[in-house]
């Protein structure tokens, strides 16, 4: 199957996706907060909304990067270098500022399931960091000279969504315990930060050294 990456690439991508999933961010803050304030139904609606946003980002990133690859292999290589720089910046930010899990302390007005879903979708789609991340992260796992790069980009994006959703679902189902554990253990939070920084930094270094050896 030409759309499947090689085993080494898939393992590396899986490790990165898992670290990204459990690293607190805007999406996690939203669906965890909604779960704690309005119950699991609202938390699930927020999660599904955010997941729909990820699907849209995946398709747009895969189509856009594939179009760039078809137009110019050099532009694709430049994008990968820009992506490496961005990944290094993300690693630095994670170590400097730490994770961004900020759960609401007060009860907000109750929203309908549809409104919560829409909120989750909006938070995800309108976050420029997610847009930039998808456009720069996915290309790190394909080659500009791979004739099946477009299908691999689409597969990796879909695989990311399928891998992340069950984990986030477990977070929703155990929101109280999960949030207490994170907030009660600063060392665990910092471990997430360093793991995230390590993954992002290693991908950036791998890209730069691979290019230098060509």
C-alpha atoms as a PDB file:
ATOM      1  CA  UNK A   1       0.000   0.000   0.000  1.00  0.00           C
ATOM      2  CA  UNK A   2       1.752   3.112  -1.268  1.00  0.00           C
ATOM      3  CA  UNK A   3       0.085   5.494   1.192  1.00  0.00           C
ATOM      4  CA  UNK A   4       1.649   3.763   4.218  1.00  0.00           C
ATOM      5  CA  UNK A   5       4.917   5.230   5.537  1.00  0.00           C
ATOM      6  CA  UNK A   6       7.751   2.878   6.406  1.00  0.00           C
ATOM      7  CA  UNK A   7       7.825   1.287   9.848  1.00  0.00           C
ATOM      8  CA  UNK A   8      10.467   3.633  11.306  1.00  0.00           C
ATOM      9  CA  UNK A   9       8.575   6.732  10.187  1.00  0.00           C
ATOM     10  CA  UNK A  10       5.283   5.404  11.546  1.00  0.00           C
ATOM     11  CA  UNK A  11       6.812   4.613  14.953  1.00  0.00           C
ATOM     12  CA  UNK A  12       8.371   8.084  15.164  1.00  0.00           C
ATOM     13  CA  UNK A  13       5.107   9.739  14.147  1.00  0.00           C
ATOM     14  CA  UNK A  14       3.146   7.667  16.677  1.00  0.00           C
ATOM     15  CA  UNK A  15       5.482   8.693  19.493  1.00  0.00           C
ATOM     16  CA  UNK A  16       5.181  12.350  18.510  1.00  0.00           C
ATOM     17  CA  UNK A  17       1.392  12.157  18.224  1.00  0.00           C
ATOM     18  CA  UNK A  18       1.055  10.571  21.671  1.00  0.00           C
ATOM     19  CA  UNK A  19       3.211  13.245  23.291  1.00  0.00           C
ATOM     20  CA  UNK A  20       1.253  15.979  21.540  1.00  0.00           C
ATOM     21  CA  UNK A  21      -2.055  14.474  22.645  1.00  0.00           C
ATOM     22  CA  UNK A  22      -1.241  14.396  26.357  1.00  0.00           C
ATOM     23  CA  UNK A  23       0.470  17.805  26.340  1.00  0.00           C
ATOM     24  CA  UNK A  24      -2.048  20.389  27.642  1.00  0.00           C
ATOM     25  CA  UNK A  25      -3.227  23.041  25.201  1.00  0.00           C
ATOM     26  CA  UNK A  26      -6.323  25.091  24.233  1.00  0.00           C
ATOM     27  CA  UNK A  27      -8.335  22.069  23.068  1.00  0.00           C
ATOM     28  CA  UNK A  28      -7.661  20.097  26.237  1.00  0.00           C
ATOM     29  CA  UNK A  29      -8.467  23.136  28.386  1.00  0.00           C
ATOM     30  CA  UNK A  30     -11.812  23.507  26.625  1.00  0.00           C
ATOM     31  CA  UNK A  31     -13.108  19.941  26.739  1.00  0.00           C
ATOM     32  CA  UNK A  32     -11.804  19.352  30.260  1.00  0.00           C
ATOM     33  CA  UNK A  33     -13.415  22.569  31.517  1.00  0.00           C
ATOM     34  CA  UNK A  34     -16.728  21.777  29.836  1.00  0.00           C
ATOM     35  CA  UNK A  35     -16.687  18.303  31.362  1.00  0.00           C
ATOM     36  CA  UNK A  36     -16.015  19.617  34.851  1.00  0.00           C
ATOM     37  CA  UNK A  37     -18.593  22.417  34.610  1.00  0.00           C
ATOM     38  CA  UNK A  38     -21.410  20.838  32.566  1.00  0.00           C
ATOM     39  CA  UNK A  39     -20.762  17.115  32.634  1.00  0.00           C
ATOM     40  CA  UNK A  40     -19.421  14.476  30.294  1.00  0.00           C
ATOM     41  CA  UNK A  41     -21.975  15.160  27.574  1.00  0.00           C
ATOM     42  CA  UNK A  42     -20.742  18.727  27.163  1.00  0.00           C
ATOM     43  CA  UNK A  43     -17.118  17.601  27.370  1.00  0.00           C
ATOM     44  CA  UNK A  44     -17.704  15.026  24.655  1.00  0.00           C
ATOM     45  CA  UNK A  45     -19.389  17.657  22.458  1.00  0.00           C
ATOM     46  CA  UNK A  46     -16.377  19.960  22.845  1.00  0.00           C
ATOM     47  CA  UNK A  47     -14.018  17.083  22.056  1.00  0.00           C
ATOM     48  CA  UNK A  48     -15.953  16.108  18.922  1.00  0.00           C
ATOM     49  CA  UNK A  49     -15.945  19.744  17.807  1.00  0.00           C
ATOM     50  CA  UNK A  50     -12.182  20.017  18.274  1.00  0.00           C
ATOM     51  CA  UNK A  51     -11.709  16.700  16.472  1.00  0.00           C
ATOM     52  CA  UNK A  52     -13.756  17.953  13.506  1.00  0.00           C
ATOM     53  CA  UNK A  53     -11.436  20.938  13.426  1.00  0.00           C
ATOM     54  CA  UNK A  54      -8.428  18.623  13.316  1.00  0.00           C
ATOM     55  CA  UNK A  55      -9.949  16.740  10.383  1.00  0.00           C
ATOM     56  CA  UNK A  56     -10.366  20.012   8.494  1.00  0.00           C
ATOM     57  CA  UNK A  57      -6.794  21.045   9.310  1.00  0.00           C
ATOM     58  CA  UNK A  58      -5.543  17.648   8.162  1.00  0.00           C
ATOM     59  CA  UNK A  59      -7.271  17.827   4.780  1.00  0.00           C
ATOM     60  CA  UNK A  60      -6.277  21.438   4.138  1.00  0.00           C
ATOM     61  CA  UNK A  61      -2.667  20.858   5.199  1.00  0.00           C
ATOM     62  CA  UNK A  62      -2.334  17.674   3.117  1.00  0.00           C
ATOM     63  CA  UNK A  63      -3.885  19.279   0.029  1.00  0.00           C
ATOM     64  CA  UNK A  64      -1.914  22.502   0.425  1.00  0.00           C
ATOM     65  CA  UNK A  65       1.445  20.843   1.052  1.00  0.00           C
ATOM     66  CA  UNK A  66       0.798  18.365  -1.761  1.00  0.00           C
ATOM     67  CA  UNK A  67       0.062  21.255  -4.141  1.00  0.00           C
ATOM     68  CA  UNK A  68       3.275  22.953  -3.042  1.00  0.00           C
ATOM     69  CA  UNK A  69       5.207  19.739  -3.635  1.00  0.00           C
ATOM     70  CA  UNK A  70       3.725  19.372  -7.113  1.00  0.00           C
ATOM     71  CA  UNK A  71       4.585  22.975  -7.943  1.00  0.00           C
ATOM     72  CA  UNK A  72       8.130  23.055  -6.607  1.00  0.00           C
ATOM     73  CA  UNK A  73      10.293  20.518  -4.796  1.00  0.00           C
ATOM     74  CA  UNK A  74      12.549  23.399  -3.705  1.00  0.00           C
ATOM     75  CA  UNK A  75       9.631  25.220  -2.092  1.00  0.00           C
ATOM     76  CA  UNK A  76       8.751  22.021  -0.260  1.00  0.00           C
ATOM     77  CA  UNK A  77      12.310  21.753   1.094  1.00  0.00           C
ATOM     78  CA  UNK A  78      12.146  25.395   2.188  1.00  0.00           C
ATOM     79  CA  UNK A  79       8.877  24.662   3.979  1.00  0.00           C
ATOM     80  CA  UNK A  80      10.550  21.800   5.826  1.00  0.00           C
ATOM     81  CA  UNK A  81      13.354  24.114   6.949  1.00  0.00           C
ATOM     82  CA  UNK A  82      10.813  26.687   8.110  1.00  0.00           C
ATOM     83  CA  UNK A  83       9.028  23.860   9.883  1.00  0.00           C
ATOM     84  CA  UNK A  84      12.250  22.809  11.610  1.00  0.00           C
ATOM     85  CA  UNK A  85      12.683  26.346  12.894  1.00  0.00           C
ATOM     86  CA  UNK A  86       9.110  26.416  14.122  1.00  0.00           C
ATOM     87  CA  UNK A  87       9.503  23.076  15.918  1.00  0.00           C
ATOM     88  CA  UNK A  88      12.609  24.424  17.675  1.00  0.00           C
ATOM     89  CA  UNK A  89      10.616  27.501  18.717  1.00  0.00           C
ATOM     90  CA  UNK A  90       7.822  25.294  20.094  1.00  0.00           C
ATOM     91  CA  UNK A  91      10.392  23.299  22.082  1.00  0.00           C
ATOM     92  CA  UNK A  92      11.827  26.508  23.531  1.00  0.00           C
ATOM     93  CA  UNK A  93       8.384  27.831  24.431  1.00  0.00           C
ATOM     94  CA  UNK A  94       7.435  24.573  26.155  1.00  0.00           C
ATOM     95  CA  UNK A  95      10.510  24.688  28.365  1.00  0.00           C
ATOM     96  CA  UNK A  96      10.297  28.413  29.058  1.00  0.00           C
ATOM     97  CA  UNK A  97       6.551  28.877  29.608  1.00  0.00           C
ATOM     98  CA  UNK A  98       5.357  25.388  30.482  1.00  0.00           C
ATOM     99  CA  UNK A  99       2.030  23.756  29.665  1.00  0.00           C
ATOM    100  CA  UNK A 100      -1.154  25.769  29.249  1.00  0.00           C
ATOM    101  CA  UNK A 101      -3.750  23.763  31.169  1.00  0.00           C
ATOM    102  CA  UNK A 102      -5.868  26.523  32.718  1.00  0.00           C
ATOM    103  CA  UNK A 103      -9.188  25.073  33.848  1.00  0.00           C
ATOM    104  CA  UNK A 104     -11.971  27.495  34.688  1.00  0.00           C
ATOM    105  CA  UNK A 105     -12.564  27.986  38.399  1.00  0.00           C
ATOM    106  CA  UNK A 106     -16.091  29.440  38.095  1.00  0.00           C
ATOM    107  CA  UNK A 107     -19.238  27.998  36.615  1.00  0.00           C
ATOM    108  CA  UNK A 108     -19.999  29.454  33.176  1.00  0.00           C
ATOM    109  CA  UNK A 109     -23.508  29.792  31.654  1.00  0.00           C
ATOM    110  CA  UNK A 110     -24.768  26.413  30.491  1.00  0.00           C
ATOM    111  CA  UNK A 111     -24.659  25.920  26.720  1.00  0.00           C
ATOM    112  CA  UNK A 112     -26.503  23.511  24.470  1.00  0.00           C
ATOM    113  CA  UNK A 113     -24.632  20.519  23.087  1.00  0.00           C
ATOM    114  CA  UNK A 114     -24.591  22.125  19.635  1.00  0.00           C
ATOM    115  CA  UNK A 115     -23.174  25.390  21.023  1.00  0.00           C
ATOM    116  CA  UNK A 116     -20.467  23.485  22.877  1.00  0.00           C
ATOM    117  CA  UNK A 117     -19.614  21.523  19.708  1.00  0.00           C
ATOM    118  CA  UNK A 118     -19.455  24.761  17.742  1.00  0.00           C
ATOM    119  CA  UNK A 119     -17.241  26.282  20.414  1.00  0.00           C
ATOM    120  CA  UNK A 120     -14.846  23.346  20.199  1.00  0.00           C
ATOM    121  CA  UNK A 121     -14.782  23.549  16.422  1.00  0.00           C
ATOM    122  CA  UNK A 122     -14.149  27.290  16.494  1.00  0.00           C
ATOM    123  CA  UNK A 123     -11.386  27.158  19.081  1.00  0.00           C
ATOM    124  CA  UNK A 124      -9.573  24.565  16.987  1.00  0.00           C
ATOM    125  CA  UNK A 125     -10.071  26.037  13.516  1.00  0.00           C
ATOM    126  CA  UNK A 126      -9.340  29.639  14.513  1.00  0.00           C
ATOM    127  CA  UNK A 127      -6.150  28.824  16.394  1.00  0.00           C
ATOM    128  CA  UNK A 128      -3.300  30.006  14.104  1.00  0.00           C
ATOM    129  CA  UNK A 129      -0.793  27.895  16.027  1.00  0.00           C
ATOM    130  CA  UNK A 130      -2.633  24.717  15.015  1.00  0.00           C
ATOM    131  CA  UNK A 131      -2.718  25.805  11.373  1.00  0.00           C
ATOM    132  CA  UNK A 132       1.003  26.540  11.364  1.00  0.00           C
ATOM    133  CA  UNK A 133       1.767  23.366  13.274  1.00  0.00           C
ATOM    134  CA  UNK A 134      -0.032  21.073  10.843  1.00  0.00           C
ATOM    135  CA  UNK A 135       1.512  22.743   7.806  1.00  0.00           C
ATOM    136  CA  UNK A 136       5.024  22.431   9.235  1.00  0.00           C
ATOM    137  CA  UNK A 137       4.741  19.171  11.218  1.00  0.00           C
ATOM    138  CA  UNK A 138       3.307  16.745   8.668  1.00  0.00           C
ATOM    139  CA  UNK A 139       5.944  17.455   5.963  1.00  0.00           C
ATOM    140  CA  UNK A 140       8.686  16.286   8.329  1.00  0.00           C
ATOM    141  CA  UNK A 141       7.572  12.699   7.681  1.00  0.00           C
ATOM    142  CA  UNK A 142       7.620  12.638   3.888  1.00  0.00           C
ATOM    143  CA  UNK A 143      10.250  13.204   1.244  1.00  0.00           C
ATOM    144  CA  UNK A 144      10.009  15.797  -1.500  1.00  0.00           C
ATOM    145  CA  UNK A 145      11.040  13.055  -3.957  1.00  0.00           C
ATOM    146  CA  UNK A 146       8.421  10.524  -2.819  1.00  0.00           C
ATOM    147  CA  UNK A 147       5.816  10.049  -5.593  1.00  0.00           C
ATOM    148  CA  UNK A 148       3.301   8.977  -2.939  1.00  0.00           C
ATOM    149  CA  UNK A 149       3.890  11.977  -0.648  1.00  0.00           C
ATOM    150  CA  UNK A 150       0.342  13.338  -1.033  1.00  0.00           C
ATOM    151  CA  UNK A 151      -1.353  10.084   0.001  1.00  0.00           C
ATOM    152  CA  UNK A 152       1.096   9.641   2.890  1.00  0.00           C
ATOM    153  CA  UNK A 153       0.358  13.147   4.161  1.00  0.00           C
ATOM    154  CA  UNK A 154      -3.359  12.392   4.115  1.00  0.00           C
ATOM    155  CA  UNK A 155      -2.827   9.055   5.869  1.00  0.00           C
ATOM    156  CA  UNK A 156      -0.648  10.587   8.594  1.00  0.00           C
ATOM    157  CA  UNK A 157      -3.172  13.333   9.240  1.00  0.00           C
ATOM    158  CA  UNK A 158      -6.018  10.835   9.511  1.00  0.00           C
ATOM    159  CA  UNK A 159      -3.898   8.528  11.651  1.00  0.00           C
ATOM    160  CA  UNK A 160      -3.176  11.429  14.002  1.00  0.00           C
ATOM    161  CA  UNK A 161      -6.894  12.082  14.502  1.00  0.00           C
ATOM    162  CA  UNK A 162      -7.760   8.377  14.968  1.00  0.00           C
ATOM    163  CA  UNK A 163      -4.913   7.924  17.451  1.00  0.00           C
ATOM    164  CA  UNK A 164      -5.708  11.022  19.508  1.00  0.00           C
ATOM    165  CA  UNK A 165      -9.485  10.748  19.837  1.00  0.00           C
ATOM    166  CA  UNK A 166      -9.658   7.643  22.095  1.00  0.00           C
ATOM    167  CA  UNK A 167      -7.022   9.116  24.417  1.00  0.00           C
ATOM    168  CA  UNK A 168      -8.875  12.418  24.699  1.00  0.00           C
ATOM    169  CA  UNK A 169     -12.110  10.493  25.235  1.00  0.00           C
ATOM    170  CA  UNK A 170     -10.550   8.786  28.243  1.00  0.00           C
ATOM    171  CA  UNK A 171      -9.564  12.222  29.552  1.00  0.00           C
ATOM    172  CA  UNK A 172     -13.180  13.356  29.306  1.00  0.00           C
ATOM    173  CA  UNK A 173     -14.461  10.234  31.075  1.00  0.00           C
ATOM    174  CA  UNK A 174     -11.950  10.697  33.905  1.00  0.00           C
ATOM    175  CA  UNK A 175     -11.732  14.505  33.818  1.00  0.00           C
ATOM    176  CA  UNK A 176     -11.858  15.079  37.583  1.00  0.00           C
ATOM    177  CA  UNK A 177      -9.141  12.554  38.391  1.00  0.00           C
ATOM    178  CA  UNK A 178      -6.988  13.573  35.445  1.00  0.00           C
ATOM    179  CA  UNK A 179      -7.124  17.316  36.196  1.00  0.00           C
ATOM    180  CA  UNK A 180      -6.415  16.747  39.904  1.00  0.00           C
ATOM    181  CA  UNK A 181      -3.422  14.560  39.066  1.00  0.00           C
ATOM    182  CA  UNK A 182      -1.930  17.129  36.698  1.00  0.00           C
ATOM    183  CA  UNK A 183      -2.519  20.107  38.972  1.00  0.00           C
ATOM    184  CA  UNK A 184      -1.224  18.245  42.024  1.00  0.00           C
ATOM    185  CA  UNK A 185       1.971  17.167  40.307  1.00  0.00           C
ATOM    186  CA  UNK A 186       4.069  20.019  38.884  1.00  0.00           C
ATOM    187  CA  UNK A 187       6.810  17.507  38.124  1.00  0.00           C
ATOM    188  CA  UNK A 188       4.459  15.587  35.819  1.00  0.00           C
ATOM    189  CA  UNK A 189       3.530  18.798  34.026  1.00  0.00           C
ATOM    190  CA  UNK A 190       7.200  19.644  33.537  1.00  0.00           C
ATOM    191  CA  UNK A 191       7.829  16.109  32.310  1.00  0.00           C
ATOM    192  CA  UNK A 192       5.221  16.719  29.585  1.00  0.00           C
ATOM    193  CA  UNK A 193       6.962  19.984  28.710  1.00  0.00           C
ATOM    194  CA  UNK A 194      10.380  18.367  28.414  1.00  0.00           C
ATOM    195  CA  UNK A 195       9.027  15.370  26.504  1.00  0.00           C
ATOM    196  CA  UNK A 196       7.281  17.712  24.067  1.00  0.00           C
ATOM    197  CA  UNK A 197      10.429  19.817  23.685  1.00  0.00           C
ATOM    198  CA  UNK A 198      12.539  16.718  23.183  1.00  0.00           C
ATOM    199  CA  UNK A 199      10.272  15.332  20.458  1.00  0.00           C
ATOM    200  CA  UNK A 200      10.082  18.650  18.593  1.00  0.00           C
ATOM    201  CA  UNK A 201      13.806  19.303  18.929  1.00  0.00           C
ATOM    202  CA  UNK A 202      14.761  15.817  17.769  1.00  0.00           C
ATOM    203  CA  UNK A 203      12.626  16.098  14.645  1.00  0.00           C
ATOM    204  CA  UNK A 204      14.141  19.468  13.812  1.00  0.00           C
ATOM    205  CA  UNK A 205      17.673  18.124  14.345  1.00  0.00           C
ATOM    206  CA  UNK A 206      16.932  15.001  12.300  1.00  0.00           C
ATOM    207  CA  UNK A 207      15.709  17.130   9.416  1.00  0.00           C
ATOM    208  CA  UNK A 208      18.694  19.462   9.462  1.00  0.00           C
ATOM    209  CA  UNK A 209      21.315  16.698   9.767  1.00  0.00           C
ATOM    210  CA  UNK A 210      19.650  14.603   7.074  1.00  0.00           C
ATOM    211  CA  UNK A 211      19.752  17.547   4.699  1.00  0.00           C
ATOM    212  CA  UNK A 212      23.371  18.294   5.560  1.00  0.00           C
ATOM    213  CA  UNK A 213      24.414  14.701   4.788  1.00  0.00           C
ATOM    214  CA  UNK A 214      22.847  14.743   1.282  1.00  0.00           C
END
